[in-house]
Amino acid sequence: MHQIPTARRDVRVIDPDQVCDATAVLADGVQLQHSATVLDALGDVNRLSILLALHHAGHLCVSDLAFAVGMSDSAVSHALRLLRAHGMVIAHREGRLVRYRVTGGLTERLLDVVSEGVVGDVVLHAHEAAPHRGPAND
């Protein structure tokens, strides 16, 4: 059965089965909007750098992130506010220190994909037992 909306049934459709499939995969408007927001956030090199740093280095505070990505503390804080608002990072307090980490399955999966092309063979000090393997050694 074709899922053509009643209001649009008078519109000419060439391939109804394909139109039905295309309509079905776009049915969850909320999830579609969330995915577009995540992709938009990943489209900025500064936010992407922050997310990759957190994804691979673990929980970091603003000043450490700022040093790692070469941005000011205030610019990193601003980017983190946006990433938090979109559910891509969360913060947790350790005394006076606030540390951030990546959250969300979609965000983590996309960062894994991006990492394949961006992150080479890097020995991570926090994870020395398991160095990240980039595309050259896969």
C-alpha atoms as a PDB file:
ATOM      1  CA  MET A   1       0.000   0.000   0.000  1.00  0.00           C
ATOM      2  CA  HIS A   2       1.354   3.391  -0.964  1.00  0.00           C
ATOM      3  CA  GLN A   3       1.741   6.006   1.728  1.00  0.00           C
ATOM      4  CA  ILE A   4       0.912   9.052  -0.368  1.00  0.00           C
ATOM      5  CA  PRO A   5      -0.606  11.770   1.840  1.00  0.00           C
ATOM      6  CA  THR A   6      -4.260  12.440   1.075  1.00  0.00           C
ATOM      7  CA  ALA A   7      -3.593  16.110   0.384  1.00  0.00           C
ATOM      8  CA  ARG A   8      -1.101  15.155  -2.337  1.00  0.00           C
ATOM      9  CA  ARG A   9      -2.909  12.271  -4.058  1.00  0.00           C
ATOM     10  CA  ASP A  10      -3.768  14.414  -7.061  1.00  0.00           C
ATOM     11  CA  VAL A  11      -0.053  15.044  -7.781  1.00  0.00           C
ATOM     12  CA  ARG A  12       1.361  13.018 -10.662  1.00  0.00           C
ATOM     13  CA  VAL A  13       3.808  10.351  -9.495  1.00  0.00           C
ATOM     14  CA  ILE A  14       5.976   8.428 -11.979  1.00  0.00           C
ATOM     15  CA  ASP A  15       7.283   5.620  -9.718  1.00  0.00           C
ATOM     16  CA  PRO A  16       4.801   5.145  -6.865  1.00  0.00           C
ATOM     17  CA  ASP A  17       6.773   2.346  -5.168  1.00  0.00           C
ATOM     18  CA  GLN A  18       9.923   4.463  -5.023  1.00  0.00           C
ATOM     19  CA  VAL A  19       7.981   7.535  -3.903  1.00  0.00           C
ATOM     20  CA  CYS A  20       6.382   5.426  -1.185  1.00  0.00           C
ATOM     21  CA  ASP A  21       9.826   4.221  -0.033  1.00  0.00           C
ATOM     22  CA  ALA A  22      11.250   7.759  -0.116  1.00  0.00           C
ATOM     23  CA  THR A  23       8.290   9.057   1.898  1.00  0.00           C
ATOM     24  CA  ALA A  24       8.612   6.232   4.424  1.00  0.00           C
ATOM     25  CA  VAL A  25      12.292   6.878   5.172  1.00  0.00           C
ATOM     26  CA  LEU A  26      11.570  10.569   5.772  1.00  0.00           C
ATOM     27  CA  ALA A  27       8.561   9.988   8.017  1.00  0.00           C
ATOM     28  CA  ASP A  28      10.298  10.620  11.354  1.00  0.00           C
ATOM     29  CA  GLY A  29      10.645  14.378  11.087  1.00  0.00           C
ATOM     30  CA  VAL A  30      12.004  14.783  14.618  1.00  0.00           C
ATOM     31  CA  GLN A  31      14.850  12.317  14.059  1.00  0.00           C
ATOM     32  CA  LEU A  32      15.535  13.789  10.634  1.00  0.00           C
ATOM     33  CA  GLN A  33      15.863  17.267  12.175  1.00  0.00           C
ATOM     34  CA  HIS A  34      18.151  15.908  14.910  1.00  0.00           C
ATOM     35  CA  SER A  35      20.376  14.239  12.320  1.00  0.00           C
ATOM     36  CA  ALA A  36      20.568  17.450  10.281  1.00  0.00           C
ATOM     37  CA  THR A  37      21.533  19.372  13.421  1.00  0.00           C
ATOM     38  CA  VAL A  38      24.309  16.890  14.243  1.00  0.00           C
ATOM     39  CA  LEU A  39      25.631  17.029  10.682  1.00  0.00           C
ATOM     40  CA  ASP A  40      25.480  20.830  10.728  1.00  0.00           C
ATOM     41  CA  ALA A  41      27.478  20.944  13.955  1.00  0.00           C
ATOM     42  CA  LEU A  42      30.069  18.589  12.463  1.00  0.00           C
ATOM     43  CA  GLY A  43      30.351  20.912   9.452  1.00  0.00           C
ATOM     44  CA  ASP A  44      32.269  23.537  11.424  1.00  0.00           C
ATOM     45  CA  VAL A  45      35.999  22.787  11.702  1.00  0.00           C
ATOM     46  CA  ASN A  46      36.264  24.196  15.242  1.00  0.00           C
ATOM     47  CA  ARG A  47      33.340  22.186  16.588  1.00  0.00           C
ATOM     48  CA  LEU A  48      34.555  19.102  14.733  1.00  0.00           C
ATOM     49  CA  SER A  49      38.020  19.554  16.258  1.00  0.00           C
ATOM     50  CA  ILE A  50      36.528  19.812  19.742  1.00  0.00           C
ATOM     51  CA  LEU A  51      34.399  16.717  19.196  1.00  0.00           C
ATOM     52  CA  LEU A  52      37.307  14.683  17.789  1.00  0.00           C
ATOM     53  CA  ALA A  53      39.509  15.721  20.712  1.00  0.00           C
ATOM     54  CA  LEU A  54      36.851  14.643  23.196  1.00  0.00           C
ATOM     55  CA  HIS A  55      36.055  11.484  21.254  1.00  0.00           C
ATOM     56  CA  HIS A  56      39.648  10.262  21.299  1.00  0.00           C
ATOM     57  CA  ALA A  57      41.219  11.844  24.379  1.00  0.00           C
ATOM     58  CA  GLY A  58      38.323  11.390  26.761  1.00  0.00           C
ATOM     59  CA  HIS A  59      36.853  13.837  29.242  1.00  0.00           C
ATOM     60  CA  LEU A  60      38.481  17.272  28.985  1.00  0.00           C
ATOM     61  CA  CYS A  61      37.925  20.653  30.596  1.00  0.00           C
ATOM     62  CA  VAL A  62      37.571  23.884  28.602  1.00  0.00           C
ATOM     63  CA  SER A  63      41.143  25.097  29.096  1.00  0.00           C
ATOM     64  CA  ASP A  64      42.652  21.754  28.038  1.00  0.00           C
ATOM     65  CA  LEU A  65      40.354  21.622  25.001  1.00  0.00           C
ATOM     66  CA  ALA A  66      41.255  25.204  24.090  1.00  0.00           C
ATOM     67  CA  PHE A  67      44.957  24.347  24.180  1.00  0.00           C
ATOM     68  CA  ALA A  68      44.474  21.140  22.179  1.00  0.00           C
ATOM     69  CA  VAL A  69      42.428  22.734  19.381  1.00  0.00           C
ATOM     70  CA  GLY A  70      44.193  26.104  19.334  1.00  0.00           C
ATOM     71  CA  MET A  71      41.206  28.227  20.304  1.00  0.00           C
ATOM     72  CA  SER A  72      40.507  30.635  23.138  1.00  0.00           C
ATOM     73  CA  ASP A  73      38.727  29.393  26.259  1.00  0.00           C
ATOM     74  CA  SER A  74      35.735  31.616  25.482  1.00  0.00           C
ATOM     75  CA  ALA A  75      35.452  30.304  21.890  1.00  0.00           C
ATOM     76  CA  VAL A  76      35.569  26.711  23.146  1.00  0.00           C
ATOM     77  CA  SER A  77      32.974  27.491  25.830  1.00  0.00           C
ATOM     78  CA  HIS A  78      30.688  28.992  23.192  1.00  0.00           C
ATOM     79  CA  ALA A  79      31.062  25.947  20.931  1.00  0.00           C
ATOM     80  CA  LEU A  80      30.448  23.591  23.864  1.00  0.00           C
ATOM     81  CA  ARG A  81      27.239  25.444  24.762  1.00  0.00           C
ATOM     82  CA  LEU A  82      25.978  24.833  21.234  1.00  0.00           C
ATOM     83  CA  LEU A  83      27.070  21.181  21.266  1.00  0.00           C
ATOM     84  CA  ARG A  84      25.392  20.678  24.657  1.00  0.00           C
ATOM     85  CA  ALA A  85      22.182  22.281  23.407  1.00  0.00           C
ATOM     86  CA  HIS A  86      22.126  19.764  20.552  1.00  0.00           C
ATOM     87  CA  GLY A  87      22.793  16.813  22.870  1.00  0.00           C
ATOM     88  CA  MET A  88      26.227  16.053  21.415  1.00  0.00           C
ATOM     89  CA  VAL A  89      28.296  16.587  24.568  1.00  0.00           C
ATOM     90  CA  ILE A  90      27.554  16.449  28.251  1.00  0.00           C
ATOM     91  CA  ALA A  91      29.348  18.038  31.163  1.00  0.00           C
ATOM     92  CA  HIS A  92      30.120  16.638  34.572  1.00  0.00           C
ATOM     93  CA  ARG A  93      31.567  18.461  37.517  1.00  0.00           C
ATOM     94  CA  GLU A  94      34.587  17.264  39.474  1.00  0.00           C
ATOM     95  CA  GLY A  95      34.855  19.723  42.345  1.00  0.00           C
ATOM     96  CA  ARG A  96      35.555  23.096  40.728  1.00  0.00           C
ATOM     97  CA  LEU A  97      36.419  21.518  37.381  1.00  0.00           C
ATOM     98  CA  VAL A  98      33.867  20.805  34.625  1.00  0.00           C
ATOM     99  CA  ARG A  99      34.780  18.094  32.134  1.00  0.00           C
ATOM    100  CA  TYR A 100      33.052  17.408  28.838  1.00  0.00           C
ATOM    101  CA  ARG A 101      32.550  14.229  26.850  1.00  0.00           C
ATOM    102  CA  VAL A 102      30.821  13.181  23.655  1.00  0.00           C
ATOM    103  CA  THR A 103      27.381  11.655  23.972  1.00  0.00           C
ATOM    104  CA  GLY A 104      24.804  10.298  21.585  1.00  0.00           C
ATOM    105  CA  GLY A 105      25.041   7.242  19.391  1.00  0.00           C
ATOM    106  CA  LEU A 106      24.726   9.164  16.129  1.00  0.00           C
ATOM    107  CA  THR A 107      27.445  11.626  17.120  1.00  0.00           C
ATOM    108  CA  GLU A 108      29.807   8.844  18.170  1.00  0.00           C
ATOM    109  CA  ARG A 109      29.213   6.810  15.002  1.00  0.00           C
ATOM    110  CA  LEU A 110      29.797   9.832  12.784  1.00  0.00           C
ATOM    111  CA  LEU A 111      32.982  10.713  14.667  1.00  0.00           C
ATOM    112  CA  ASP A 112      34.193   7.129  14.152  1.00  0.00           C
ATOM    113  CA  VAL A 113      33.656   7.546  10.406  1.00  0.00           C
ATOM    114  CA  VAL A 114      35.348  10.959  10.297  1.00  0.00           C
ATOM    115  CA  SER A 115      38.226   9.618  12.391  1.00  0.00           C
ATOM    116  CA  GLU A 116      38.990   6.983   9.774  1.00  0.00           C
ATOM    117  CA  GLY A 117      40.041   9.730   7.384  1.00  0.00           C
ATOM    118  CA  VAL A 118      41.368  12.344   9.804  1.00  0.00           C
ATOM    119  CA  VAL A 119      43.160  10.531  12.613  1.00  0.00           C
ATOM    120  CA  GLY A 120      46.226   8.542  11.622  1.00  0.00           C
ATOM    121  CA  ASP A 121      48.240   6.140  13.738  1.00  0.00           C
ATOM    122  CA  VAL A 122      48.342   8.027  16.994  1.00  0.00           C
ATOM    123  CA  VAL A 123      49.419   6.616  20.320  1.00  0.00           C
ATOM    124  CA  LEU A 124      47.025   8.081  22.825  1.00  0.00           C
ATOM    125  CA  HIS A 125      48.600   8.522  26.245  1.00  0.00           C
ATOM    126  CA  ALA A 126      45.339   7.949  28.049  1.00  0.00           C
ATOM    127  CA  HIS A 127      44.918   4.724  26.089  1.00  0.00           C
ATOM    128  CA  GLU A 128      48.505   3.574  25.486  1.00  0.00           C
ATOM    129  CA  ALA A 129      47.567  -0.086  25.449  1.00  0.00           C
ATOM    130  CA  ALA A 130      45.436   0.408  22.337  1.00  0.00           C
ATOM    131  CA  PRO A 131      46.742   2.914  19.762  1.00  0.00           C
ATOM    132  CA  HIS A 132      44.240   4.279  17.276  1.00  0.00           C
ATOM    133  CA  ARG A 133      44.621   2.579  13.913  1.00  0.00           C
ATOM    134  CA  GLY A 134      44.065   4.922  11.008  1.00  0.00           C
ATOM    135  CA  PRO A 135      43.266   4.030   7.414  1.00  0.00           C
ATOM    136  CA  ALA A 136      46.924   3.348   6.535  1.00  0.00           C
ATOM    137  CA  ASN A 137      46.952   0.205   8.691  1.00  0.00           C
ATOM    138  CA  ASP A 138      43.382  -0.984   8.324  1.00  0.00           C
END
